[in-house]
Full PDB file with SEQRES, HELIX, SHEET, SSBOND, CRYST1, ORIGX, SCALE, CONECT and MASTER records, all heavy atoms in Angstrom:
SEQRES   1 A   36  VAL LYS PRO ASP GLN HIS LYS SER TYR PRO CYS SER TYR          
SEQRES   2 A   36  LYS ASP CYS ASN GLU LYS GLU LEU LEU PRO VAL LEU CYS          
SEQRES   3 A   36  PRO TYR CYS GLU LYS HIS PHE CYS LEU ARG                      
HELIX    1 AA1 PRO A    3  GLN A    5  5                                   3    
SHEET    1 AA1 2 TYR A   9  PRO A  10  0                                        
SHEET    2 AA1 2 LYS A  19  GLU A  20 -1                                        
CRYST1    1.000    1.000    1.000  90.00  90.00  90.00 P 1           1          
ORIGX1      1.000000  0.000000  0.000000        0.00000                         
ORIGX2      0.000000  1.000000  0.000000        0.00000                         
ORIGX3      0.000000  0.000000  1.000000        0.00000                         
SCALE1      1.000000  0.000000  0.000000        0.00000                         
SCALE2      0.000000  1.000000  0.000000        0.00000                         
SCALE3      0.000000  0.000000  1.000000        0.00000                         
ATOM      1  N   VAL A   1      31.335 -29.203  68.244  1.00  0.00           N  
ATOM      2  CA  VAL A   1      30.865 -30.712  68.074  1.00  0.00           C  
ATOM      3  C   VAL A   1      29.395 -30.828  68.369  1.00  0.00           C  
ATOM      4  O   VAL A   1      28.924 -30.433  69.489  1.00  0.00           O  
ATOM      5  CB  VAL A   1      31.760 -31.542  69.042  1.00  0.00           C  
ATOM      6  CG1 VAL A   1      31.278 -32.975  68.834  1.00  0.00           C  
ATOM      7  CG2 VAL A   1      33.205 -31.401  68.737  1.00  0.00           C  
ATOM      8  N   LYS A   2      28.777 -31.302  67.419  1.00  0.00           N  
ATOM      9  CA  LYS A   2      27.251 -31.629  67.649  1.00  0.00           C  
ATOM     10  C   LYS A   2      27.095 -32.852  68.437  1.00  0.00           C  
ATOM     11  O   LYS A   2      27.924 -33.775  68.358  1.00  0.00           O  
ATOM     12  CB  LYS A   2      26.611 -31.721  66.319  1.00  0.00           C  
ATOM     13  CG  LYS A   2      26.648 -30.446  65.449  1.00  0.00           C  
ATOM     14  CD  LYS A   2      25.967 -30.674  64.152  1.00  0.00           C  
ATOM     15  CE  LYS A   2      25.987 -29.310  63.246  1.00  0.00           C  
ATOM     16  NZ  LYS A   2      25.447 -29.546  61.954  1.00  0.00           N  
ATOM     17  N   PRO A   3      25.946 -33.032  69.216  1.00  0.00           N  
ATOM     18  CA  PRO A   3      25.730 -34.260  69.953  1.00  0.00           C  
ATOM     19  C   PRO A   3      25.933 -35.484  69.274  1.00  0.00           C  
ATOM     20  O   PRO A   3      26.405 -36.485  69.722  1.00  0.00           O  
ATOM     21  CB  PRO A   3      24.359 -33.949  70.627  1.00  0.00           C  
ATOM     22  CG  PRO A   3      24.183 -32.438  70.488  1.00  0.00           C  
ATOM     23  CD  PRO A   3      24.892 -31.982  69.293  1.00  0.00           C  
ATOM     24  N   ASP A   4      25.385 -35.552  67.978  1.00  0.00           N  
ATOM     25  CA  ASP A   4      25.395 -36.820  67.268  1.00  0.00           C  
ATOM     26  C   ASP A   4      26.735 -37.059  66.713  1.00  0.00           C  
ATOM     27  O   ASP A   4      26.982 -38.025  65.995  1.00  0.00           O  
ATOM     28  CB  ASP A   4      24.349 -36.732  66.165  1.00  0.00           C  
ATOM     29  CG  ASP A   4      24.536 -35.645  65.229  1.00  0.00           C  
ATOM     30  OD1 ASP A   4      25.431 -34.788  65.506  1.00  0.00           O  
ATOM     31  OD2 ASP A   4      23.956 -35.576  64.225  1.00  0.00           O  
ATOM     32  N   GLN A   5      27.697 -36.141  66.854  1.00  0.00           N  
ATOM     33  CA  GLN A   5      29.085 -36.304  66.374  1.00  0.00           C  
ATOM     34  C   GLN A   5      30.074 -36.637  67.480  1.00  0.00           C  
ATOM     35  O   GLN A   5      31.273 -36.589  67.266  1.00  0.00           O  
ATOM     36  CB  GLN A   5      29.484 -35.024  65.557  1.00  0.00           C  
ATOM     37  CG  GLN A   5      28.750 -34.833  64.362  1.00  0.00           C  
ATOM     38  CD  GLN A   5      29.245 -33.547  63.723  1.00  0.00           C  
ATOM     39  OE1 GLN A   5      29.633 -32.591  64.370  1.00  0.00           O  
ATOM     40  NE2 GLN A   5      29.144 -33.475  62.424  1.00  0.00           N  
ATOM     41  N   HIS A   6      29.548 -36.925  68.728  1.00  0.00           N  
ATOM     42  CA  HIS A   6      30.501 -37.110  69.833  1.00  0.00           C  
ATOM     43  C   HIS A   6      31.332 -38.323  69.637  1.00  0.00           C  
ATOM     44  O   HIS A   6      30.889 -39.383  69.207  1.00  0.00           O  
ATOM     45  CB  HIS A   6      29.669 -37.311  71.078  1.00  0.00           C  
ATOM     46  CG  HIS A   6      30.427 -37.312  72.296  1.00  0.00           C  
ATOM     47  ND1 HIS A   6      30.821 -36.122  72.901  1.00  0.00           N  
ATOM     48  CD2 HIS A   6      31.023 -38.270  73.119  1.00  0.00           C  
ATOM     49  CE1 HIS A   6      31.573 -36.415  73.999  1.00  0.00           C  
ATOM     50  NE2 HIS A   6      31.698 -37.725  74.081  1.00  0.00           N  
ATOM     51  N   LYS A   7      32.566 -38.191  69.912  1.00  0.00           N  
ATOM     52  CA  LYS A   7      33.610 -39.183  69.539  1.00  0.00           C  
ATOM     53  C   LYS A   7      33.715 -40.093  70.808  1.00  0.00           C  
ATOM     54  O   LYS A   7      33.704 -39.641  71.957  1.00  0.00           O  
ATOM     55  CB  LYS A   7      34.908 -38.562  69.307  1.00  0.00           C  
ATOM     56  CG  LYS A   7      35.976 -39.556  68.751  1.00  0.00           C  
ATOM     57  CD  LYS A   7      37.198 -38.850  68.374  1.00  0.00           C  
ATOM     58  CE  LYS A   7      38.328 -39.801  67.923  1.00  0.00           C  
ATOM     59  NZ  LYS A   7      39.546 -39.196  67.477  1.00  0.00           N  
ATOM     60  N   SER A   8      33.900 -41.361  70.594  1.00  0.00           N  
ATOM     61  CA  SER A   8      34.224 -42.283  71.634  1.00  0.00           C  
ATOM     62  C   SER A   8      35.475 -42.953  71.341  1.00  0.00           C  
ATOM     63  O   SER A   8      36.023 -42.913  70.202  1.00  0.00           O  
ATOM     64  CB  SER A   8      33.106 -43.386  71.743  1.00  0.00           C  
ATOM     65  OG  SER A   8      32.927 -44.173  70.548  1.00  0.00           O  
ATOM     66  N   TYR A   9      36.133 -43.483  72.462  1.00  0.00           N  
ATOM     67  CA  TYR A   9      37.444 -44.060  72.321  1.00  0.00           C  
ATOM     68  C   TYR A   9      37.420 -45.527  72.664  1.00  0.00           C  
ATOM     69  O   TYR A   9      37.266 -45.957  73.804  1.00  0.00           O  
ATOM     70  CB  TYR A   9      38.490 -43.313  73.135  1.00  0.00           C  
ATOM     71  CG  TYR A   9      38.483 -41.851  72.828  1.00  0.00           C  
ATOM     72  CD1 TYR A   9      37.651 -40.930  73.330  1.00  0.00           C  
ATOM     73  CD2 TYR A   9      39.577 -41.432  71.986  1.00  0.00           C  
ATOM     74  CE1 TYR A   9      37.769 -39.601  72.987  1.00  0.00           C  
ATOM     75  CE2 TYR A   9      39.687 -40.083  71.619  1.00  0.00           C  
ATOM     76  CZ  TYR A   9      38.789 -39.175  72.096  1.00  0.00           C  
ATOM     77  OH  TYR A   9      38.864 -37.818  71.729  1.00  0.00           O  
ATOM     78  N   PRO A  10      37.518 -46.451  71.690  1.00  0.00           N  
ATOM     79  CA  PRO A  10      37.448 -47.977  71.942  1.00  0.00           C  
ATOM     80  C   PRO A  10      38.727 -48.394  72.616  1.00  0.00           C  
ATOM     81  O   PRO A  10      39.789 -47.888  72.356  1.00  0.00           O  
ATOM     82  CB  PRO A  10      37.318 -48.597  70.599  1.00  0.00           C  
ATOM     83  CG  PRO A  10      37.918 -47.553  69.630  1.00  0.00           C  
ATOM     84  CD  PRO A  10      37.578 -46.205  70.205  1.00  0.00           C  
ATOM     85  N   CYS A  11      38.589 -49.343  73.441  1.00  0.00           N  
ATOM     86  CA  CYS A  11      39.739 -49.998  74.147  1.00  0.00           C  
ATOM     87  C   CYS A  11      40.551 -50.798  73.191  1.00  0.00           C  
ATOM     88  O   CYS A  11      40.018 -51.553  72.315  1.00  0.00           O  
ATOM     89  CB  CYS A  11      39.227 -50.861  75.309  1.00  0.00           C  
ATOM     90  SG  CYS A  11      40.510 -51.623  76.223  1.00  0.00           S  
ATOM     91  N   SER A  12      41.850 -50.688  73.268  1.00  0.00           N  
ATOM     92  CA  SER A  12      42.770 -51.300  72.395  1.00  0.00           C  
ATOM     93  C   SER A  12      43.149 -52.740  72.823  1.00  0.00           C  
ATOM     94  O   SER A  12      43.882 -53.504  72.165  1.00  0.00           O  
ATOM     95  CB  SER A  12      44.044 -50.461  72.102  1.00  0.00           C  
ATOM     96  OG  SER A  12      43.850 -49.301  71.605  1.00  0.00           O  
ATOM     97  N   TYR A  13      42.710 -53.086  74.069  1.00  0.00           N  
ATOM     98  CA  TYR A  13      43.106 -54.392  74.583  1.00  0.00           C  
ATOM     99  C   TYR A  13      42.295 -55.518  73.815  1.00  0.00           C  
ATOM    100  O   TYR A  13      41.122 -55.300  73.497  1.00  0.00           O  
ATOM    101  CB  TYR A  13      42.807 -54.462  76.099  1.00  0.00           C  
ATOM    102  CG  TYR A  13      43.343 -55.754  76.770  1.00  0.00           C  
ATOM    103  CD1 TYR A  13      44.623 -56.044  76.854  1.00  0.00           C  
ATOM    104  CD2 TYR A  13      42.414 -56.570  77.329  1.00  0.00           C  
ATOM    105  CE1 TYR A  13      45.100 -57.172  77.463  1.00  0.00           C  
ATOM    106  CE2 TYR A  13      42.798 -57.809  77.890  1.00  0.00           C  
ATOM    107  CZ  TYR A  13      44.194 -58.066  77.973  1.00  0.00           C  
ATOM    108  OH  TYR A  13      44.679 -59.211  78.530  1.00  0.00           O  
ATOM    109  N   LYS A  14      42.925 -56.628  73.580  1.00  0.00           N  
ATOM    110  CA  LYS A  14      42.350 -57.698  72.846  1.00  0.00           C  
ATOM    111  C   LYS A  14      41.043 -58.185  73.422  1.00  0.00           C  
ATOM    112  O   LYS A  14      40.931 -58.379  74.647  1.00  0.00           O  
ATOM    113  CB  LYS A  14      43.380 -58.924  72.797  1.00  0.00           C  
ATOM    114  CG  LYS A  14      43.786 -59.392  74.172  1.00  0.00           C  
ATOM    115  CD  LYS A  14      44.835 -60.407  74.089  1.00  0.00           C  
ATOM    116  CE  LYS A  14      45.389 -60.951  75.507  1.00  0.00           C  
ATOM    117  NZ  LYS A  14      46.420 -61.980  75.369  1.00  0.00           N  
ATOM    118  N   ASP A  15      40.086 -58.359  72.605  1.00  0.00           N  
ATOM    119  CA  ASP A  15      38.850 -58.945  72.936  1.00  0.00           C  
ATOM    120  C   ASP A  15      38.007 -57.998  73.854  1.00  0.00           C  
ATOM    121  O   ASP A  15      36.863 -58.527  74.381  1.00  0.00           O  
ATOM    122  CB  ASP A  15      38.918 -60.320  73.609  1.00  0.00           C  
ATOM    123  CG  ASP A  15      39.512 -61.352  72.667  1.00  0.00           C  
ATOM    124  OD1 ASP A  15      39.338 -61.231  71.456  1.00  0.00           O  
ATOM    125  OD2 ASP A  15      40.251 -62.234  73.162  1.00  0.00           O  
ATOM    126  N   CYS A  16      38.377 -56.768  74.025  1.00  0.00           N  
ATOM    127  CA  CYS A  16      37.597 -55.871  74.975  1.00  0.00           C  
ATOM    128  C   CYS A  16      36.879 -54.924  73.981  1.00  0.00           C  
ATOM    129  O   CYS A  16      37.385 -54.238  73.127  1.00  0.00           O  
ATOM    130  CB  CYS A  16      38.502 -55.058  75.815  1.00  0.00           C  
ATOM    131  SG  CYS A  16      37.604 -53.896  76.886  1.00  0.00           S  
ATOM    132  N   ASN A  17      35.563 -54.760  74.281  1.00  0.00           N  
ATOM    133  CA  ASN A  17      34.708 -53.894  73.386  1.00  0.00           C  
ATOM    134  C   ASN A  17      34.260 -52.668  74.097  1.00  0.00           C  
ATOM    135  O   ASN A  17      33.386 -52.012  73.699  1.00  0.00           O  
ATOM    136  CB  ASN A  17      33.483 -54.736  72.933  1.00  0.00           C  
ATOM    137  CG  ASN A  17      33.751 -55.975  72.176  1.00  0.00           C  
ATOM    138  OD1 ASN A  17      34.683 -55.886  71.205  1.00  0.00           O  
ATOM    139  ND2 ASN A  17      33.199 -57.061  72.400  1.00  0.00           N  
ATOM    140  N   GLU A  18      34.867 -52.425  75.268  1.00  0.00           N  
ATOM    141  CA  GLU A  18      34.454 -51.196  76.060  1.00  0.00           C  
ATOM    142  C   GLU A  18      34.928 -49.946  75.287  1.00  0.00           C  
ATOM    143  O   GLU A  18      35.949 -49.904  74.616  1.00  0.00           O  
ATOM    144  CB  GLU A  18      35.045 -51.184  77.413  1.00  0.00           C  
ATOM    145  CG  GLU A  18      34.527 -52.339  78.286  1.00  0.00           C  
ATOM    146  CD  GLU A  18      33.007 -52.142  78.658  1.00  0.00           C  
ATOM    147  OE1 GLU A  18      32.633 -50.900  78.789  1.00  0.00           O  
ATOM    148  OE2 GLU A  18      32.279 -53.078  78.606  1.00  0.00           O  
ATOM    149  N   LYS A  19      34.110 -48.848  75.475  1.00  0.00           N  
ATOM    150  CA  LYS A  19      34.512 -47.559  74.943  1.00  0.00           C  
ATOM    151  C   LYS A  19      34.508 -46.444  76.044  1.00  0.00           C  
ATOM    152  O   LYS A  19      33.715 -46.582  76.993  1.00  0.00           O  
ATOM    153  CB  LYS A  19      33.667 -47.114  73.755  1.00  0.00           C  
ATOM    154  CG  LYS A  19      33.696 -48.062  72.587  1.00  0.00           C  
ATOM    155  CD  LYS A  19      32.739 -47.700  71.472  1.00  0.00           C  
ATOM    156  CE  LYS A  19      32.876 -48.570  70.264  1.00  0.00           C  
ATOM    157  NZ  LYS A  19      31.977 -48.088  69.202  1.00  0.00           N  
ATOM    158  N   GLU A  20      35.236 -45.437  75.916  1.00  0.00           N  
ATOM    159  CA  GLU A  20      35.203 -44.321  76.825  1.00  0.00           C  
ATOM    160  C   GLU A  20      34.928 -42.990  76.093  1.00  0.00           C  
ATOM    161  O   GLU A  20      35.253 -42.890  74.959  1.00  0.00           O  
ATOM    162  CB  GLU A  20      36.550 -44.137  77.585  1.00  0.00           C  
ATOM    163  CG  GLU A  20      36.973 -45.367  78.364  1.00  0.00           C  
ATOM    164  CD  GLU A  20      36.049 -45.633  79.659  1.00  0.00           C  
ATOM    165  OE1 GLU A  20      35.407 -44.622  80.014  1.00  0.00           O  
ATOM    166  OE2 GLU A  20      36.008 -46.726  80.060  1.00  0.00           O  
ATOM    167  N   LEU A  21      34.210 -42.123  76.778  1.00  0.00           N  
ATOM    168  CA  LEU A  21      33.835 -40.800  76.156  1.00  0.00           C  
ATOM    169  C   LEU A  21      35.073 -39.904  76.136  1.00  0.00           C  
ATOM    170  O   LEU A  21      35.039 -38.964  75.334  1.00  0.00           O  
ATOM    171  CB  LEU A  21      32.663 -40.210  76.888  1.00  0.00           C  
ATOM    172  CG  LEU A  21      31.307 -40.939  76.871  1.00  0.00           C  
ATOM    173  CD1 LEU A  21      30.276 -40.230  77.689  1.00  0.00           C  
ATOM    174  CD2 LEU A  21      30.926 -41.185  75.454  1.00  0.00           C  
ATOM    175  N   LEU A  22      35.974 -40.042  77.082  1.00  0.00           N  
ATOM    176  CA  LEU A  22      37.175 -39.243  77.066  1.00  0.00           C  
ATOM    177  C   LEU A  22      38.392 -40.284  76.719  1.00  0.00           C  
ATOM    178  O   LEU A  22      38.358 -41.470  77.180  1.00  0.00           O  
ATOM    179  CB  LEU A  22      37.371 -38.665  78.339  1.00  0.00           C  
ATOM    180  CG  LEU A  22      36.374 -37.481  78.649  1.00  0.00           C  
ATOM    181  CD1 LEU A  22      36.657 -36.997  80.135  1.00  0.00           C  
ATOM    182  CD2 LEU A  22      36.487 -36.330  77.655  1.00  0.00           C  
ATOM    183  N   PRO A  23      39.488 -39.735  76.208  1.00  0.00           N  
ATOM    184  CA  PRO A  23      40.556 -40.596  75.891  1.00  0.00           C  
ATOM    185  C   PRO A  23      41.311 -41.058  77.166  1.00  0.00           C  
ATOM    186  O   PRO A  23      41.589 -40.236  78.072  1.00  0.00           O  
ATOM    187  CB  PRO A  23      41.518 -39.704  75.081  1.00  0.00           C  
ATOM    188  CG  PRO A  23      41.143 -38.304  75.434  1.00  0.00           C  
ATOM    189  CD  PRO A  23      39.659 -38.359  75.731  1.00  0.00           C  
ATOM    190  N   VAL A  24      41.559 -42.364  77.307  1.00  0.00           N  
ATOM    191  CA  VAL A  24      42.362 -42.943  78.385  1.00  0.00           C  
ATOM    192  C   VAL A  24      43.662 -43.419  77.718  1.00  0.00           C  
ATOM    193  O   VAL A  24      43.647 -44.586  77.228  1.00  0.00           O  
ATOM    194  CB  VAL A  24      41.552 -44.031  79.085  1.00  0.00           C  
ATOM    195  CG1 VAL A  24      42.413 -44.506  80.269  1.00  0.00           C  
ATOM    196  CG2 VAL A  24      40.315 -43.518  79.627  1.00  0.00           C  
ATOM    197  N   LEU A  25      44.642 -42.552  77.648  1.00  0.00           N  
ATOM    198  CA  LEU A  25      45.824 -42.940  76.883  1.00  0.00           C  
ATOM    199  C   LEU A  25      46.950 -43.436  77.681  1.00  0.00           C  
ATOM    200  O   LEU A  25      47.333 -42.798  78.699  1.00  0.00           O  
ATOM    201  CB  LEU A  25      46.207 -41.642  76.022  1.00  0.00           C  
ATOM    202  CG  LEU A  25      47.257 -41.776  74.973  1.00  0.00           C  
ATOM    203  CD1 LEU A  25      46.672 -42.586  73.838  1.00  0.00           C  
ATOM    204  CD2 LEU A  25      47.692 -40.444  74.550  1.00  0.00           C  
ATOM    205  N   CYS A  26      47.531 -44.556  77.341  1.00  0.00           N  
ATOM    206  CA  CYS A  26      48.719 -45.071  78.039  1.00  0.00           C  
ATOM    207  C   CYS A  26      49.928 -44.256  77.503  1.00  0.00           C  
ATOM    208  O   CYS A  26      50.194 -44.190  76.368  1.00  0.00           O  
ATOM    209  CB  CYS A  26      48.981 -46.548  77.662  1.00  0.00           C  
ATOM    210  SG  CYS A  26      50.496 -47.138  78.346  1.00  0.00           S  
ATOM    211  N   PRO A  27      50.655 -43.629  78.462  1.00  0.00           N  
ATOM    212  CA  PRO A  27      51.736 -42.742  78.012  1.00  0.00           C  
ATOM    213  C   PRO A  27      52.934 -43.578  77.529  1.00  0.00           C  
ATOM    214  O   PRO A  27      53.904 -42.930  77.061  1.00  0.00           O  
ATOM    215  CB  PRO A  27      52.072 -41.904  79.324  1.00  0.00           C  
ATOM    216  CG  PRO A  27      51.641 -42.886  80.395  1.00  0.00           C  
ATOM    217  CD  PRO A  27      50.417 -43.578  79.952  1.00  0.00           C  
ATOM    218  N   TYR A  28      52.860 -44.805  77.700  1.00  0.00           N  
ATOM    219  CA  TYR A  28      54.148 -45.696  77.358  1.00  0.00           C  
ATOM    220  C   TYR A  28      53.928 -46.177  75.810  1.00  0.00           C  
ATOM    221  O   TYR A  28      54.794 -45.990  75.004  1.00  0.00           O  
ATOM    222  CB  TYR A  28      54.253 -46.710  78.359  1.00  0.00           C  
ATOM    223  CG  TYR A  28      54.564 -46.258  79.677  1.00  0.00           C  
ATOM    224  CD1 TYR A  28      53.316 -46.229  80.714  1.00  0.00           C  
ATOM    225  CD2 TYR A  28      55.672 -45.797  80.177  1.00  0.00           C  
ATOM    226  CE1 TYR A  28      53.536 -45.818  81.960  1.00  0.00           C  
ATOM    227  CE2 TYR A  28      55.895 -45.345  81.423  1.00  0.00           C  
ATOM    228  CZ  TYR A  28      54.802 -45.325  82.252  1.00  0.00           C  
ATOM    229  OH  TYR A  28      54.947 -44.833  83.628  1.00  0.00           O  
ATOM    230  N   CYS A  29      52.833 -46.894  75.623  1.00  0.00           N  
ATOM    231  CA  CYS A  29      52.513 -47.406  74.304  1.00  0.00           C  
ATOM    232  C   CYS A  29      51.638 -46.490  73.496  1.00  0.00           C  
ATOM    233  O   CYS A  29      51.466 -46.775  72.221  1.00  0.00           O  
ATOM    234  CB  CYS A  29      51.902 -48.789  74.358  1.00  0.00           C  
ATOM    235  SG  CYS A  29      50.206 -48.838  75.068  1.00  0.00           S  
ATOM    236  N   GLU A  30      51.082 -45.382  74.039  1.00  0.00           N  
ATOM    237  CA  GLU A  30      50.364 -44.407  73.399  1.00  0.00           C  
ATOM    238  C   GLU A  30      49.108 -44.993  72.781  1.00  0.00           C  
ATOM    239  O   GLU A  30      48.636 -44.446  71.687  1.00  0.00           O  
ATOM    240  CB  GLU A  30      51.162 -43.596  72.374  1.00  0.00           C  
ATOM    241  CG  GLU A  30      52.399 -42.924  73.122  1.00  0.00           C  
ATOM    242  CD  GLU A  30      53.213 -42.081  72.117  1.00  0.00           C  
ATOM    243  OE1 GLU A  30      53.029 -42.273  70.885  1.00  0.00           O  
ATOM    244  OE2 GLU A  30      53.948 -41.183  72.556  1.00  0.00           O  
ATOM    245  N   LYS A  31      48.483 -45.962  73.345  1.00  0.00           N  
ATOM    246  CA  LYS A  31      47.245 -46.525  72.803  1.00  0.00           C  
ATOM    247  C   LYS A  31      46.150 -46.198  73.851  1.00  0.00           C  
ATOM    248  O   LYS A  31      46.264 -45.918  74.986  1.00  0.00           O  
ATOM    249  CB  LYS A  31      47.290 -48.086  72.639  1.00  0.00           C  
ATOM    250  CG  LYS A  31      48.358 -48.489  71.562  1.00  0.00           C  
ATOM    251  CD  LYS A  31      48.388 -49.971  71.482  1.00  0.00           C  
ATOM    252  CE  LYS A  31      49.458 -50.495  70.435  1.00  0.00           C  
ATOM    253  NZ  LYS A  31      49.500 -51.926  70.355  1.00  0.00           N  
ATOM    254  N   HIS A  32      44.850 -46.128  73.318  1.00  0.00           N  
ATOM    255  CA  HIS A  32      43.651 -45.901  74.082  1.00  0.00           C  
ATOM    256  C   HIS A  32      43.169 -47.101  74.735  1.00  0.00           C  
ATOM    257  O   HIS A  32      43.078 -48.347  74.132  1.00  0.00           O  
ATOM    258  CB  HIS A  32      42.556 -45.351  73.181  1.00  0.00           C  
ATOM    259  CG  HIS A  32      42.872 -43.914  72.654  1.00  0.00           C  
ATOM    260  ND1 HIS A  32      42.778 -42.831  73.427  1.00  0.00           N  
ATOM    261  CD2 HIS A  32      43.305 -43.513  71.543  1.00  0.00           C  
ATOM    262  CE1 HIS A  32      43.059 -41.734  72.767  1.00  0.00           C  
ATOM    263  NE2 HIS A  32      43.428 -42.079  71.534  1.00  0.00           N  
ATOM    264  N   PHE A  33      42.753 -47.053  76.029  1.00  0.00           N  
ATOM    265  CA  PHE A  33      42.171 -48.194  76.725  1.00  0.00           C  
ATOM    266  C   PHE A  33      40.944 -47.771  77.514  1.00  0.00           C  
ATOM    267  O   PHE A  33      40.786 -46.558  77.876  1.00  0.00           O  
ATOM    268  CB  PHE A  33      43.249 -48.855  77.701  1.00  0.00           C  
ATOM    269  CG  PHE A  33      44.454 -49.399  76.896  1.00  0.00           C  
ATOM    270  CD1 PHE A  33      45.484 -48.678  76.728  1.00  0.00           C  
ATOM    271  CD2 PHE A  33      44.284 -50.658  76.313  1.00  0.00           C  
ATOM    272  CE1 PHE A  33      46.622 -49.147  76.047  1.00  0.00           C  
ATOM    273  CE2 PHE A  33      45.428 -51.173  75.651  1.00  0.00           C  
ATOM    274  CZ  PHE A  33      46.552 -50.410  75.460  1.00  0.00           C  
ATOM    275  N   CYS A  34      40.157 -48.729  77.988  1.00  0.00           N  
ATOM    276  CA  CYS A  34      39.018 -48.433  78.925  1.00  0.00           C  
ATOM    277  C   CYS A  34      39.604 -48.356  80.299  1.00  0.00           C  
ATOM    278  O   CYS A  34      40.828 -48.597  80.549  1.00  0.00           O  
ATOM    279  CB  CYS A  34      37.983 -49.576  78.820  1.00  0.00           C  
ATOM    280  SG  CYS A  34      38.554 -51.159  79.397  1.00  0.00           S  
ATOM    281  N   LEU A  35      38.753 -47.943  81.261  1.00  0.00           N  
ATOM    282  CA  LEU A  35      39.260 -47.749  82.626  1.00  0.00           C  
ATOM    283  C   LEU A  35      39.816 -49.013  83.195  1.00  0.00           C  
ATOM    284  O   LEU A  35      40.779 -48.948  83.990  1.00  0.00           O  
ATOM    285  CB  LEU A  35      38.089 -47.163  83.480  1.00  0.00           C  
ATOM    286  CG  LEU A  35      37.606 -45.786  83.277  1.00  0.00           C  
ATOM    287  CD1 LEU A  35      36.429 -45.382  84.098  1.00  0.00           C  
ATOM    288  CD2 LEU A  35      38.801 -44.802  83.403  1.00  0.00           C  
ATOM    289  N   ARG A  36      39.257 -50.198  82.972  1.00  0.00           N  
ATOM    290  CA  ARG A  36      39.668 -51.379  83.448  1.00  0.00           C  
ATOM    291  C   ARG A  36      40.995 -51.844  82.964  1.00  0.00           C  
ATOM    292  O   ARG A  36      41.717 -52.492  83.739  1.00  0.00           O  
ATOM    293  CB  ARG A  36      38.637 -52.428  83.117  1.00  0.00           C  
ATOM    294  CG  ARG A  36      39.024 -53.897  83.785  1.00  0.00           C  
ATOM    295  CD  ARG A  36      37.934 -54.842  83.340  1.00  0.00           C  
ATOM    296  NE  ARG A  36      38.200 -56.104  83.979  1.00  0.00           N  
ATOM    297  CZ  ARG A  36      37.548 -57.280  83.738  1.00  0.00           C  
ATOM    298  NH1 ARG A  36      36.436 -57.228  82.855  1.00  0.00           N  
ATOM    299  NH2 ARG A  36      37.922 -58.386  84.354  1.00  0.00           N  
TER     300      ARG A  36                                                      
MASTER        0    0    0    1    2    0    0    6  299    1    0    3          
END                                                                             
């Protein structure tokens, strides 16, 4: 992976625009979320 191709993971919660560099996956609904 090149630096300019680094993937981010947007939060799936409504109206939240935060992104994480690593996946924060809920094991129940299997969606990505921010730390908060």
